[in-house]
Amino acid sequence: MSSLHYSLFRKGRNFFYSSALFPRAVRDEVAVLYSFVRYVDDLVDRPVPLVEDFYRTWRLLERSLDGVIRPPVLGDFAELARRRGFKRRWIEAFMESMEMDLYKKRYATFGDLLRYMYGSAEVIGLFMAKILGLPSASYPYARLLGRAYQLINIIRDVGEDLALGRIYIPAEDMARFGAKGVEPTDEFAQVIRYELARYLQIQKAAEEGYRYIPRRLIPAVKTASDLYKRTAMLIWRKPLAVFSHKVRPHLGEIMLLYVKNVVSI
């Protein structure tokens, strides 16, 4: 496994820490997937997106998927996609959602946001289901888990996204509580807690799919989910903290979750 994959993989703390509980072969494939996702996301998730580089990468990705070339990161992802049977339309949906980040800065409704989250997160759940060798009956739950993870990331990263000129929180939800904008007010704190309740509802529904996951793979998946649920609890207590820093469980909490989930198998 290339050190490049793991250098990119380490940037995603929740996934990196939880994936340490997967068997090595699975962990290596997750690293290839994450490094691809991170590579593309880094092109658009910046104050001045690298538009030309993004479209060049998309063209290179298509040629890689066709087996014509094998550049770093993209080529390894393409090989993984062929080996694990990722559907081409899932990959296209991911790139289309990343393209949305180039020009779409606001979302009017949760339905609008769902269209973005399908490509940005739900298909990642489908990729993971393929890597883990899960049956097709698990796919709706894999999508829900990806959606849940994306929503808690959106909540956690409100301040960072605002600095980039993006607001993922739906306008209809802010209007519901009288929030005039994304700013540290009591009204917006209510919006944050509303979105957290929505996240927890989606997370709970996704966990119904755990029954499809082999016992030896459960600790990694549960640890990732538990880290996000702990993040949600921390934000619930201080919802306006999302404006000042990235809310995360501390290392001690991470280690306790590790132990709890390993012992539970």
Protein backbone atom coordinates (compact mmCIF):
# COMPACT_ATOMS: atom_id res chain seq x y z
CA MET A 1 0.00 0.00 0.00
CA SER A 2 1.36 3.38 -1.05
CA SER A 3 2.39 5.79 1.69
CA LEU A 4 0.52 8.44 -0.33
CA HIS A 5 -2.78 6.67 0.35
CA TYR A 6 -2.18 6.61 4.08
CA SER A 7 -0.92 10.19 4.19
CA LEU A 8 -4.25 11.29 2.70
CA PHE A 9 -6.18 8.78 4.81
CA ARG A 10 -4.80 10.18 8.07
CA LYS A 11 -6.45 13.53 7.32
CA GLY A 12 -9.85 11.98 8.07
CA ARG A 13 -9.47 11.29 11.78
CA ASN A 14 -12.74 9.45 12.40
CA PHE A 15 -12.29 7.10 9.45
CA PHE A 16 -8.58 6.63 10.05
CA TYR A 17 -8.98 5.75 13.73
CA SER A 18 -12.00 3.49 13.25
CA SER A 19 -10.58 1.74 10.18
CA ALA A 20 -7.62 0.58 12.26
CA LEU A 21 -10.06 -2.06 13.53
CA PHE A 22 -10.57 -3.56 10.07
CA PRO A 23 -8.42 -6.48 8.91
CA ARG A 24 -5.36 -5.19 7.02
CA ALA A 25 -6.66 -6.12 3.55
CA VAL A 26 -9.92 -4.23 4.14
CA ARG A 27 -8.09 -1.28 5.69
CA ASP A 28 -5.87 -0.97 2.65
CA GLU A 29 -8.87 -0.81 0.32
CA VAL A 30 -10.58 1.76 2.54
CA ALA A 31 -7.37 3.83 2.38
CA VAL A 32 -7.47 3.75 -1.44
CA LEU A 33 -11.12 4.84 -1.41
CA TYR A 34 -10.58 7.61 1.12
CA SER A 35 -7.44 8.94 -0.57
CA PHE A 36 -9.39 9.26 -3.83
CA VAL A 37 -12.30 11.04 -2.14
CA ARG A 38 -9.94 13.34 -0.26
CA TYR A 39 -7.87 14.08 -3.35
CA VAL A 40 -10.92 15.24 -5.32
CA ASP A 41 -12.49 17.07 -2.38
CA ASP A 42 -9.28 19.01 -1.76
CA LEU A 43 -9.53 20.46 -5.27
CA VAL A 44 -12.89 22.10 -4.56
CA ASP A 45 -12.92 22.56 -0.78
CA ARG A 46 -10.75 25.68 -0.60
CA PRO A 47 -11.25 29.47 -0.75
CA VAL A 48 -10.34 29.49 -4.45
CA PRO A 49 -11.31 26.12 -5.94
CA LEU A 50 -8.94 24.61 -8.50
CA VAL A 51 -11.56 24.47 -11.24
CA GLU A 52 -9.29 23.53 -14.13
CA ASP A 53 -7.54 20.89 -12.03
CA PHE A 54 -10.90 19.45 -11.01
CA TYR A 55 -12.10 19.00 -14.59
CA ARG A 56 -8.70 17.66 -15.63
CA THR A 57 -8.93 15.15 -12.79
CA TRP A 58 -12.41 14.13 -13.93
CA ARG A 59 -11.11 13.43 -17.43
CA LEU A 60 -8.17 11.46 -16.05
CA LEU A 61 -10.54 9.50 -13.83
CA GLU A 62 -12.70 8.51 -16.81
CA ARG A 63 -9.64 7.30 -18.71
CA SER A 64 -8.47 5.42 -15.62
CA LEU A 65 -11.86 3.72 -15.26
CA ASP A 66 -11.61 2.71 -18.93
CA GLY A 67 -8.23 1.13 -18.19
CA VAL A 68 -6.33 3.48 -20.50
CA ILE A 69 -4.02 5.03 -17.87
CA ARG A 70 -3.15 4.53 -14.20
CA PRO A 71 -2.04 7.79 -12.57
CA PRO A 72 -1.39 7.98 -8.81
CA VAL A 73 -4.50 7.87 -6.58
CA LEU A 74 -6.96 7.87 -9.51
CA GLY A 75 -5.53 4.74 -11.08
CA ASP A 76 -5.55 2.82 -7.82
CA PHE A 77 -9.15 3.86 -7.19
CA ALA A 78 -10.12 2.77 -10.70
CA GLU A 79 -8.51 -0.61 -10.11
CA LEU A 80 -10.38 -0.93 -6.80
CA ALA A 81 -13.62 0.05 -8.55
CA ARG A 82 -13.16 -2.71 -11.13
CA ARG A 83 -12.17 -5.31 -8.52
CA ARG A 84 -15.06 -4.54 -6.18
CA GLY A 85 -17.69 -3.78 -8.82
CA PHE A 86 -18.41 -0.12 -8.08
CA LYS A 87 -21.13 1.04 -10.43
CA ARG A 88 -20.00 3.73 -12.84
CA ARG A 89 -23.08 5.81 -12.08
CA TRP A 90 -22.09 5.93 -8.40
CA ILE A 91 -18.69 7.32 -9.30
CA GLU A 92 -20.28 9.86 -11.65
CA ALA A 93 -22.69 10.91 -8.89
CA PHE A 94 -19.73 11.57 -6.58
CA MET A 95 -18.00 13.75 -9.16
CA GLU A 96 -21.25 15.62 -9.90
CA SER A 97 -21.69 16.49 -6.22
CA MET A 98 -18.08 17.66 -6.03
CA GLU A 99 -18.81 19.81 -9.09
CA MET A 100 -21.76 21.34 -7.21
CA ASP A 101 -19.29 22.66 -4.64
CA LEU A 102 -17.77 24.79 -7.40
CA TYR A 103 -20.91 26.80 -7.98
CA LYS A 104 -23.69 26.02 -5.48
CA LYS A 105 -23.32 27.94 -2.22
CA ARG A 106 -26.83 27.66 -0.68
CA TYR A 107 -29.56 25.03 -0.30
CA ALA A 108 -33.19 26.08 -0.07
CA THR A 109 -34.66 22.82 1.23
CA PHE A 110 -33.54 19.57 2.77
CA GLY A 111 -34.65 17.89 -0.44
CA ASP A 112 -32.10 20.01 -2.31
CA LEU A 113 -29.43 19.01 0.17
CA LEU A 114 -30.32 15.34 -0.21
CA ARG A 115 -29.50 15.51 -3.90
CA TYR A 116 -26.05 16.78 -3.00
CA MET A 117 -25.56 14.24 -0.21
CA TYR A 118 -26.40 11.31 -2.47
CA GLY A 119 -23.25 11.89 -4.51
CA SER A 120 -21.07 13.31 -1.76
CA ALA A 121 -21.80 10.66 0.87
CA GLU A 122 -24.44 8.03 0.15
CA VAL A 123 -22.44 6.53 -2.70
CA ILE A 124 -19.44 6.36 -0.34
CA GLY A 125 -21.60 4.10 1.80
CA LEU A 126 -22.27 1.99 -1.28
CA PHE A 127 -18.54 1.80 -2.07
CA MET A 128 -17.93 0.65 1.51
CA ALA A 129 -20.65 -1.99 1.24
CA LYS A 130 -18.87 -3.36 -1.82
CA ILE A 131 -15.47 -3.33 -0.09
CA LEU A 132 -16.94 -5.18 2.91
CA GLY A 133 -18.63 -7.70 0.62
CA LEU A 134 -22.12 -6.96 1.93
CA PRO A 135 -25.31 -8.21 0.23
CA SER A 136 -27.42 -5.84 -1.86
CA ALA A 137 -30.07 -5.85 0.89
CA SER A 138 -27.63 -3.74 2.92
CA TYR A 139 -27.37 -0.97 0.32
CA PRO A 140 -30.27 1.23 1.55
CA TYR A 141 -28.71 1.20 5.02
CA ALA A 142 -25.25 1.89 3.63
CA ARG A 143 -26.68 4.97 1.91
CA LEU A 144 -28.34 6.09 5.13
CA LEU A 145 -25.10 5.71 7.07
CA GLY A 146 -23.28 7.82 4.49
CA ARG A 147 -26.06 10.41 4.72
CA ALA A 148 -25.84 10.48 8.52
CA TYR A 149 -22.07 10.94 8.48
CA GLN A 150 -22.34 13.75 5.94
CA LEU A 151 -25.01 15.55 7.94
CA ILE A 152 -23.04 15.53 11.18
CA ASN A 153 -20.00 16.76 9.22
CA ILE A 154 -22.11 19.61 7.82
CA ILE A 155 -23.25 20.54 11.33
CA ARG A 156 -19.73 20.30 12.77
CA ASP A 157 -18.18 22.33 9.93
CA VAL A 158 -20.67 25.22 9.85
CA GLY A 159 -17.99 27.77 10.69
CA GLU A 160 -15.40 26.42 8.24
CA ASP A 161 -17.93 26.24 5.40
CA LEU A 162 -19.13 29.77 6.11
CA ALA A 163 -15.53 30.98 5.70
CA LEU A 164 -15.60 29.38 2.24
CA GLY A 165 -18.86 31.14 1.39
CA ARG A 166 -20.97 27.98 1.67
CA ILE A 167 -24.09 27.33 3.71
CA TYR A 168 -25.30 23.73 3.63
CA ILE A 169 -27.93 24.19 6.35
CA PRO A 170 -31.22 24.47 4.41
CA ALA A 171 -32.77 27.92 4.32
CA GLU A 172 -36.18 26.44 5.17
CA ASP A 173 -34.77 25.12 8.45
CA MET A 174 -33.34 28.49 9.40
CA ALA A 175 -36.67 30.15 8.59
CA ARG A 176 -38.43 27.63 10.84
CA PHE A 177 -36.62 29.05 13.88
CA GLY A 178 -36.36 32.65 12.74
CA ALA A 179 -32.60 32.55 12.17
CA LYS A 180 -31.69 35.48 9.92
CA GLY A 181 -28.43 33.93 8.83
CA VAL A 182 -25.58 31.66 9.85
CA GLU A 183 -24.40 33.52 12.92
CA PRO A 184 -23.98 32.73 16.64
CA THR A 185 -27.49 33.53 17.85
CA ASP A 186 -30.00 31.70 20.04
CA GLU A 187 -32.14 31.13 16.95
CA PHE A 188 -29.31 29.47 15.07
CA ALA A 189 -28.52 27.32 18.11
CA GLN A 190 -32.05 25.96 17.77
CA VAL A 191 -31.38 25.22 14.10
CA ILE A 192 -28.24 23.28 15.03
CA ARG A 193 -30.16 21.15 17.53
CA TYR A 194 -32.89 20.55 14.96
CA GLU A 195 -30.30 19.25 12.48
CA LEU A 196 -28.69 17.14 15.20
CA ALA A 197 -32.05 15.50 15.92
CA ARG A 198 -32.40 14.79 12.20
CA TYR A 199 -28.90 13.29 12.12
CA LEU A 200 -29.66 11.02 15.08
CA GLN A 201 -32.86 9.82 13.43
CA ILE A 202 -31.00 8.94 10.21
CA GLN A 203 -28.16 7.31 12.17
CA LYS A 204 -30.62 5.14 14.10
CA ALA A 205 -32.30 3.99 10.87
CA ALA A 206 -28.90 3.22 9.31
CA GLU A 207 -27.91 1.03 12.25
CA GLU A 208 -30.70 -1.39 11.35
CA GLY A 209 -28.32 -2.47 8.58
CA TYR A 210 -25.63 -3.64 10.99
CA ARG A 211 -27.20 -7.09 10.82
CA TYR A 212 -25.71 -7.49 7.34
CA ILE A 213 -22.14 -6.80 8.48
CA PRO A 214 -19.92 -9.75 9.41
CA ARG A 215 -19.16 -9.86 13.13
CA ARG A 216 -15.41 -9.32 12.68
CA LEU A 217 -16.06 -6.06 10.75
CA ILE A 218 -18.61 -4.58 13.16
CA PRO A 219 -16.14 -2.91 15.61
CA ALA A 220 -14.74 -0.57 12.94
CA VAL A 221 -18.17 0.49 11.69
CA LYS A 222 -19.57 0.94 15.20
CA THR A 223 -16.53 2.94 16.31
CA ALA A 224 -16.92 5.37 13.40
CA SER A 225 -20.60 5.80 14.21
CA ASP A 226 -19.96 6.15 17.94
CA LEU A 227 -17.35 8.86 17.30
CA TYR A 228 -19.91 10.82 15.30
CA LYS A 229 -22.61 10.31 17.92
CA ARG A 230 -20.20 11.57 20.56
CA THR A 231 -19.49 14.60 18.35
CA ALA A 232 -23.24 15.21 18.13
CA MET A 233 -23.56 15.08 21.93
CA LEU A 234 -20.75 17.60 22.37
CA ILE A 235 -22.34 19.98 19.87
CA TRP A 236 -25.79 19.55 21.44
CA ARG A 237 -24.39 20.84 24.73
CA LYS A 238 -22.76 23.88 23.10
CA PRO A 239 -24.28 24.32 19.62
CA LEU A 240 -22.58 27.64 18.91
CA ALA A 241 -19.14 26.07 19.41
CA VAL A 242 -19.26 25.16 15.70
CA PHE A 243 -18.35 28.77 14.97
CA SER A 244 -15.13 28.71 16.99
CA HIS A 245 -13.56 25.29 16.44
CA LYS A 246 -14.00 21.80 15.01
CA VAL A 247 -15.78 19.85 17.71
CA ARG A 248 -14.29 16.36 18.16
CA PRO A 249 -14.02 13.70 20.86
CA HIS A 250 -10.65 13.78 22.59
CA LEU A 251 -8.15 10.94 22.30
CA GLY A 252 -9.16 9.37 25.61
CA GLU A 253 -12.77 9.05 24.45
CA ILE A 254 -11.61 7.51 21.19
CA MET A 255 -9.61 4.87 23.02
CA LEU A 256 -12.56 4.03 25.29
CA LEU A 257 -14.77 3.51 22.23
CA TYR A 258 -12.09 1.29 20.70
CA VAL A 259 -12.02 -0.91 23.78
CA LYS A 260 -15.81 -1.04 24.15
CA ASN A 261 -16.40 -2.11 20.56
CA VAL A 262 -13.54 -4.62 20.42
CA VAL A 263 -14.66 -6.28 23.67
CA SER A 264 -18.26 -6.44 22.42
CA ILE A 265 -17.53 -8.86 19.54
